[in-house]
């Protein structure tokens, strides 16, 4: 039985981070957790954000008996909490972090196998990315950056300017080539306790998320390995399974 330098066996831990609030970080966390679930991975989320957006979403789903990634609030010891989830067979854990420079963000990054930095294409958001990149790099964690809430028309100049600013900061390979468009579909999906790919499985938002998920694999930030090789994709919500 071998363990990595973090003291874990094979569980992947992805911290979803953004120094600015309102970037779509929690939305990204939920959507990517469902992508992992549908890819056959036993999936969980730890919600360290005091707003508890992911936790409330999960509680509403549970009341509707919808199969969902297991979600729990952060406890006093993040490492112990993550190891307990690994002991229950979780393959991939997403950590939704608060939009501030709290110690819990550094703790999450230290635990993680990788980090996904989510940012809007505004200068305020882009300027905050630099500090997150510095912390992730200092801890030796691989990371990727995804532009979120971009105008649906990708020809709008603010998108190209944002991509150039990020390229100057982290280089081309660390930037997701697919930008995630701002869409009211995300708001409808959250109100109905779904993710957008569950609510609109053939829509544009779902296609963009599939591209992001594929890029995360190519970037080697996530891997499609599962403790249970018999787990199958779950294309539609169903009754919740316990973790």
Protein backbone atom coordinates (compact mmCIF):
# COMPACT_ATOMS: atom_id res chain seq x y z
CA UNK A 1 0.00 0.00 0.00
CA UNK A 2 1.68 3.22 -1.14
CA UNK A 3 0.88 6.81 -0.27
CA UNK A 4 1.82 10.02 -2.01
CA UNK A 5 3.60 12.93 -0.35
CA UNK A 6 0.30 14.31 0.94
CA UNK A 7 -0.46 11.09 2.83
CA UNK A 8 -3.20 9.96 0.44
CA UNK A 9 -3.35 6.88 -1.73
CA UNK A 10 -4.97 7.68 -5.07
CA UNK A 11 -7.76 10.20 -4.38
CA UNK A 12 -7.57 13.26 -6.59
CA UNK A 13 -8.25 16.58 -4.86
CA UNK A 14 -9.06 19.63 -6.96
CA UNK A 15 -9.27 23.03 -5.28
CA UNK A 16 -11.48 25.47 -7.18
CA UNK A 17 -10.21 28.93 -6.33
CA UNK A 18 -10.88 32.60 -7.08
CA UNK A 19 -9.78 35.58 -5.04
CA UNK A 20 -12.75 37.64 -6.25
CA UNK A 21 -16.32 36.84 -5.29
CA UNK A 22 -19.00 36.22 -7.89
CA UNK A 23 -16.73 34.63 -10.48
CA UNK A 24 -18.79 31.45 -10.76
CA UNK A 25 -16.43 29.38 -8.60
CA UNK A 26 -19.16 27.44 -6.80
CA UNK A 27 -21.02 26.95 -10.08
CA UNK A 28 -17.85 25.54 -11.63
CA UNK A 29 -17.30 23.28 -8.64
CA UNK A 30 -20.80 21.80 -8.84
CA UNK A 31 -20.75 21.43 -12.61
CA UNK A 32 -17.36 19.72 -12.73
CA UNK A 33 -18.29 17.43 -9.84
CA UNK A 34 -21.30 16.28 -11.86
CA UNK A 35 -19.06 15.82 -14.91
CA UNK A 36 -16.84 13.55 -12.79
CA UNK A 37 -19.87 11.69 -11.46
CA UNK A 38 -21.18 11.10 -14.96
CA UNK A 39 -17.72 9.90 -16.02
CA UNK A 40 -18.00 7.11 -13.45
CA UNK A 41 -15.96 8.57 -10.59
CA UNK A 42 -17.17 8.47 -7.00
CA UNK A 43 -17.25 12.20 -6.31
CA UNK A 44 -17.47 14.52 -3.31
CA UNK A 45 -17.31 18.23 -2.54
CA UNK A 46 -16.10 19.94 0.63
CA UNK A 47 -17.62 23.40 0.87
CA UNK A 48 -15.21 25.69 2.73
CA UNK A 49 -16.98 28.88 1.63
CA UNK A 50 -18.95 30.44 4.55
CA UNK A 51 -21.76 31.19 2.07
CA UNK A 52 -22.35 27.45 1.78
CA UNK A 53 -23.70 27.60 -1.79
CA UNK A 54 -22.70 24.05 -2.72
CA UNK A 55 -23.95 22.68 0.59
CA UNK A 56 -27.41 24.27 0.23
CA UNK A 57 -27.63 23.00 -3.36
CA UNK A 58 -26.87 19.49 -2.16
CA UNK A 59 -29.41 19.69 0.65
CA UNK A 60 -32.15 20.68 -1.79
CA UNK A 61 -31.20 17.80 -4.08
CA UNK A 62 -31.27 15.37 -1.17
CA UNK A 63 -34.81 16.46 -0.29
CA UNK A 64 -35.78 15.69 -3.90
CA UNK A 65 -33.96 12.32 -3.79
CA UNK A 66 -31.66 13.31 -6.65
CA UNK A 67 -28.42 11.41 -7.01
CA UNK A 68 -25.70 13.98 -6.38
CA UNK A 69 -22.04 14.22 -5.51
CA UNK A 70 -21.70 13.97 -1.74
CA UNK A 71 -21.30 17.50 -0.29
CA UNK A 72 -20.32 18.44 3.23
CA UNK A 73 -19.27 21.59 5.02
CA UNK A 74 -15.63 22.01 5.99
CA UNK A 75 -14.76 20.71 9.43
CA UNK A 76 -12.02 21.84 11.81
CA UNK A 77 -9.41 19.56 10.18
CA UNK A 78 -9.53 19.57 6.39
CA UNK A 79 -6.87 16.86 6.04
CA UNK A 80 -8.68 14.45 8.36
CA UNK A 81 -11.96 15.17 6.58
CA UNK A 82 -10.46 14.43 3.18
CA UNK A 83 -8.87 11.20 4.40
CA UNK A 84 -12.22 10.05 5.76
CA UNK A 85 -13.77 10.59 2.35
CA UNK A 86 -10.95 8.67 0.70
CA UNK A 87 -11.57 5.85 3.16
CA UNK A 88 -15.16 5.74 1.90
CA UNK A 89 -13.91 5.15 -1.62
CA UNK A 90 -14.12 8.67 -3.07
CA UNK A 91 -12.10 8.93 -6.28
CA UNK A 92 -12.13 12.70 -6.75
CA UNK A 93 -12.77 15.48 -4.25
CA UNK A 94 -13.51 19.07 -5.20
CA UNK A 95 -12.89 21.79 -2.62
CA UNK A 96 -14.96 24.95 -3.03
CA UNK A 97 -12.84 27.68 -1.46
CA UNK A 98 -13.87 31.12 -0.16
CA UNK A 99 -13.08 34.21 -2.28
CA UNK A 100 -10.56 35.60 0.19
CA UNK A 101 -7.00 34.95 1.29
CA UNK A 102 -8.06 32.91 4.33
CA UNK A 103 -5.78 30.18 5.75
CA UNK A 104 -8.29 27.56 4.57
CA UNK A 105 -7.41 28.38 0.95
CA UNK A 106 -3.73 27.65 1.57
CA UNK A 107 -4.70 24.48 3.44
CA UNK A 108 -6.87 23.36 0.53
CA UNK A 109 -4.11 24.00 -1.99
CA UNK A 110 -1.60 22.13 0.16
CA UNK A 111 -3.90 19.08 0.16
CA UNK A 112 -4.69 19.27 -3.53
CA UNK A 113 -3.33 17.34 -6.45
CA UNK A 114 -4.26 20.33 -8.66
CA UNK A 115 -6.03 23.68 -8.64
CA UNK A 116 -8.51 25.24 -11.03
CA UNK A 117 -8.48 29.03 -11.00
CA UNK A 118 -11.75 30.58 -12.18
CA UNK A 119 -11.87 34.19 -13.33
CA UNK A 120 -14.14 36.56 -15.20
CA UNK A 121 -12.67 38.58 -18.09
CA UNK A 122 -12.66 41.85 -16.13
CA UNK A 123 -9.44 43.58 -15.10
CA UNK A 124 -10.44 43.44 -11.41
CA UNK A 125 -10.69 39.66 -11.59
CA UNK A 126 -7.62 39.18 -13.77
CA UNK A 127 -5.42 41.19 -11.39
CA UNK A 128 -6.43 38.88 -8.53
CA UNK A 129 -5.34 35.78 -10.46
CA UNK A 130 -1.66 36.64 -10.02
CA UNK A 131 -1.67 36.05 -6.24
CA UNK A 132 -3.50 32.73 -6.60
CA UNK A 133 -0.98 31.58 -9.19
CA UNK A 134 1.86 32.62 -6.87
CA UNK A 135 0.47 30.58 -3.95
CA UNK A 136 -0.25 27.50 -6.08
CA UNK A 137 3.20 27.68 -7.65
CA UNK A 138 4.90 28.13 -4.28
CA UNK A 139 3.24 24.93 -3.08
CA UNK A 140 4.23 23.09 -6.24
CA UNK A 141 0.67 22.41 -7.33
CA UNK A 142 -0.22 22.12 -11.02
CA UNK A 143 -2.99 24.48 -11.98
CA UNK A 144 -5.12 25.67 -14.84
CA UNK A 145 -7.06 28.87 -15.45
CA UNK A 146 -10.56 29.01 -16.91
CA UNK A 147 -12.34 32.15 -18.06
CA UNK A 148 -15.89 32.07 -16.75
CA UNK A 149 -18.94 34.26 -17.43
CA UNK A 150 -17.60 35.51 -20.75
CA UNK A 151 -19.86 37.12 -23.37
CA UNK A 152 -21.53 34.44 -25.55
CA UNK A 153 -20.05 36.15 -28.61
CA UNK A 154 -16.37 35.22 -28.32
CA UNK A 155 -15.44 37.89 -30.85
CA UNK A 156 -16.04 40.57 -28.22
CA UNK A 157 -12.67 42.25 -27.60
CA UNK A 158 -12.77 41.83 -23.83
CA UNK A 159 -12.37 38.06 -24.30
CA UNK A 160 -9.23 38.36 -26.44
CA UNK A 161 -7.79 40.96 -24.06
CA UNK A 162 -8.40 38.66 -21.08
CA UNK A 163 -6.80 35.70 -22.86
CA UNK A 164 -3.76 37.82 -23.69
CA UNK A 165 -3.45 39.05 -20.10
CA UNK A 166 -3.59 35.48 -18.80
CA UNK A 167 -1.12 34.29 -21.44
CA UNK A 168 1.34 36.94 -20.31
CA UNK A 169 0.90 35.71 -16.73
CA UNK A 170 0.84 31.91 -17.00
CA UNK A 171 1.50 30.97 -20.63
CA UNK A 172 -0.83 29.40 -23.17
CA UNK A 173 -0.83 25.81 -21.90
CA UNK A 174 -2.24 26.72 -18.48
CA UNK A 175 -5.30 28.46 -19.97
CA UNK A 176 -8.40 26.50 -20.91
CA UNK A 177 -9.03 27.14 -24.63
CA UNK A 178 -12.79 27.03 -24.05
CA UNK A 179 -14.28 30.02 -22.26
CA UNK A 180 -17.53 29.44 -20.38
CA UNK A 181 -20.27 31.77 -21.53
CA UNK A 182 -22.51 33.75 -19.22
CA UNK A 183 -25.99 32.24 -19.48
CA UNK A 184 -29.27 32.44 -17.60
CA UNK A 185 -29.34 28.64 -17.92
CA UNK A 186 -27.02 28.42 -14.92
CA UNK A 187 -29.44 30.43 -12.81
CA UNK A 188 -32.40 28.31 -13.85
CA UNK A 189 -30.44 25.12 -13.14
CA UNK A 190 -29.41 26.25 -9.65
CA UNK A 191 -32.98 27.33 -8.83
CA UNK A 192 -34.18 23.84 -9.79
CA UNK A 193 -31.35 22.13 -7.85
CA UNK A 194 -29.62 20.86 -10.98
CA UNK A 195 -26.43 21.64 -12.81
CA UNK A 196 -26.74 23.11 -16.27
CA UNK A 197 -25.69 19.91 -18.04
CA UNK A 198 -28.41 18.01 -16.20
CA UNK A 199 -31.09 20.56 -17.04
CA UNK A 200 -30.03 21.13 -20.64
CA UNK A 201 -28.01 18.05 -21.72
CA UNK A 202 -27.86 19.18 -25.34
CA UNK A 203 -27.34 22.91 -24.81
CA UNK A 204 -24.38 25.17 -25.44
CA UNK A 205 -23.46 25.37 -21.76
CA UNK A 206 -23.26 21.62 -21.53
CA UNK A 207 -20.97 21.49 -24.59
CA UNK A 208 -18.66 24.10 -23.08
CA UNK A 209 -18.44 22.19 -19.79
CA UNK A 210 -17.62 18.99 -21.67
CA UNK A 211 -14.78 20.86 -23.38
CA UNK A 212 -13.48 22.14 -20.03
CA UNK A 213 -13.62 18.63 -18.57
CA UNK A 214 -11.70 17.23 -21.55
CA UNK A 215 -9.09 19.98 -21.22
CA UNK A 216 -8.62 19.19 -17.51
CA UNK A 217 -7.79 15.62 -18.53
CA UNK A 218 -5.40 16.71 -21.29
CA UNK A 219 -3.75 19.08 -18.84
CA UNK A 220 -3.49 16.11 -16.43
CA UNK A 221 -5.27 17.99 -13.68
CA UNK A 222 -7.82 15.16 -13.46
CA UNK A 223 -7.65 11.51 -14.44
CA UNK A 224 -10.46 9.07 -15.17
CA UNK A 225 -9.48 6.43 -12.64
CA UNK A 226 -12.00 4.91 -10.28
CA UNK A 227 -11.84 2.62 -7.26
CA UNK A 228 -14.95 0.87 -8.61
CA UNK A 229 -14.49 -0.14 -12.23
CA UNK A 230 -18.15 -1.12 -12.41
CA UNK A 231 -19.37 2.44 -11.85
CA UNK A 232 -21.17 3.72 -14.93
CA UNK A 233 -21.95 7.22 -16.13
CA UNK A 234 -25.16 8.75 -14.80
CA UNK A 235 -26.50 10.95 -17.61
CA UNK A 236 -29.64 11.94 -15.71
CA UNK A 237 -30.30 12.78 -12.04
CA UNK A 238 -31.42 9.83 -9.99
CA UNK A 239 -31.82 8.88 -6.35
CA UNK A 240 -28.91 9.93 -4.19
CA UNK A 241 -26.28 7.36 -3.24
CA UNK A 242 -24.56 7.61 0.13
CA UNK A 243 -20.85 8.15 0.57
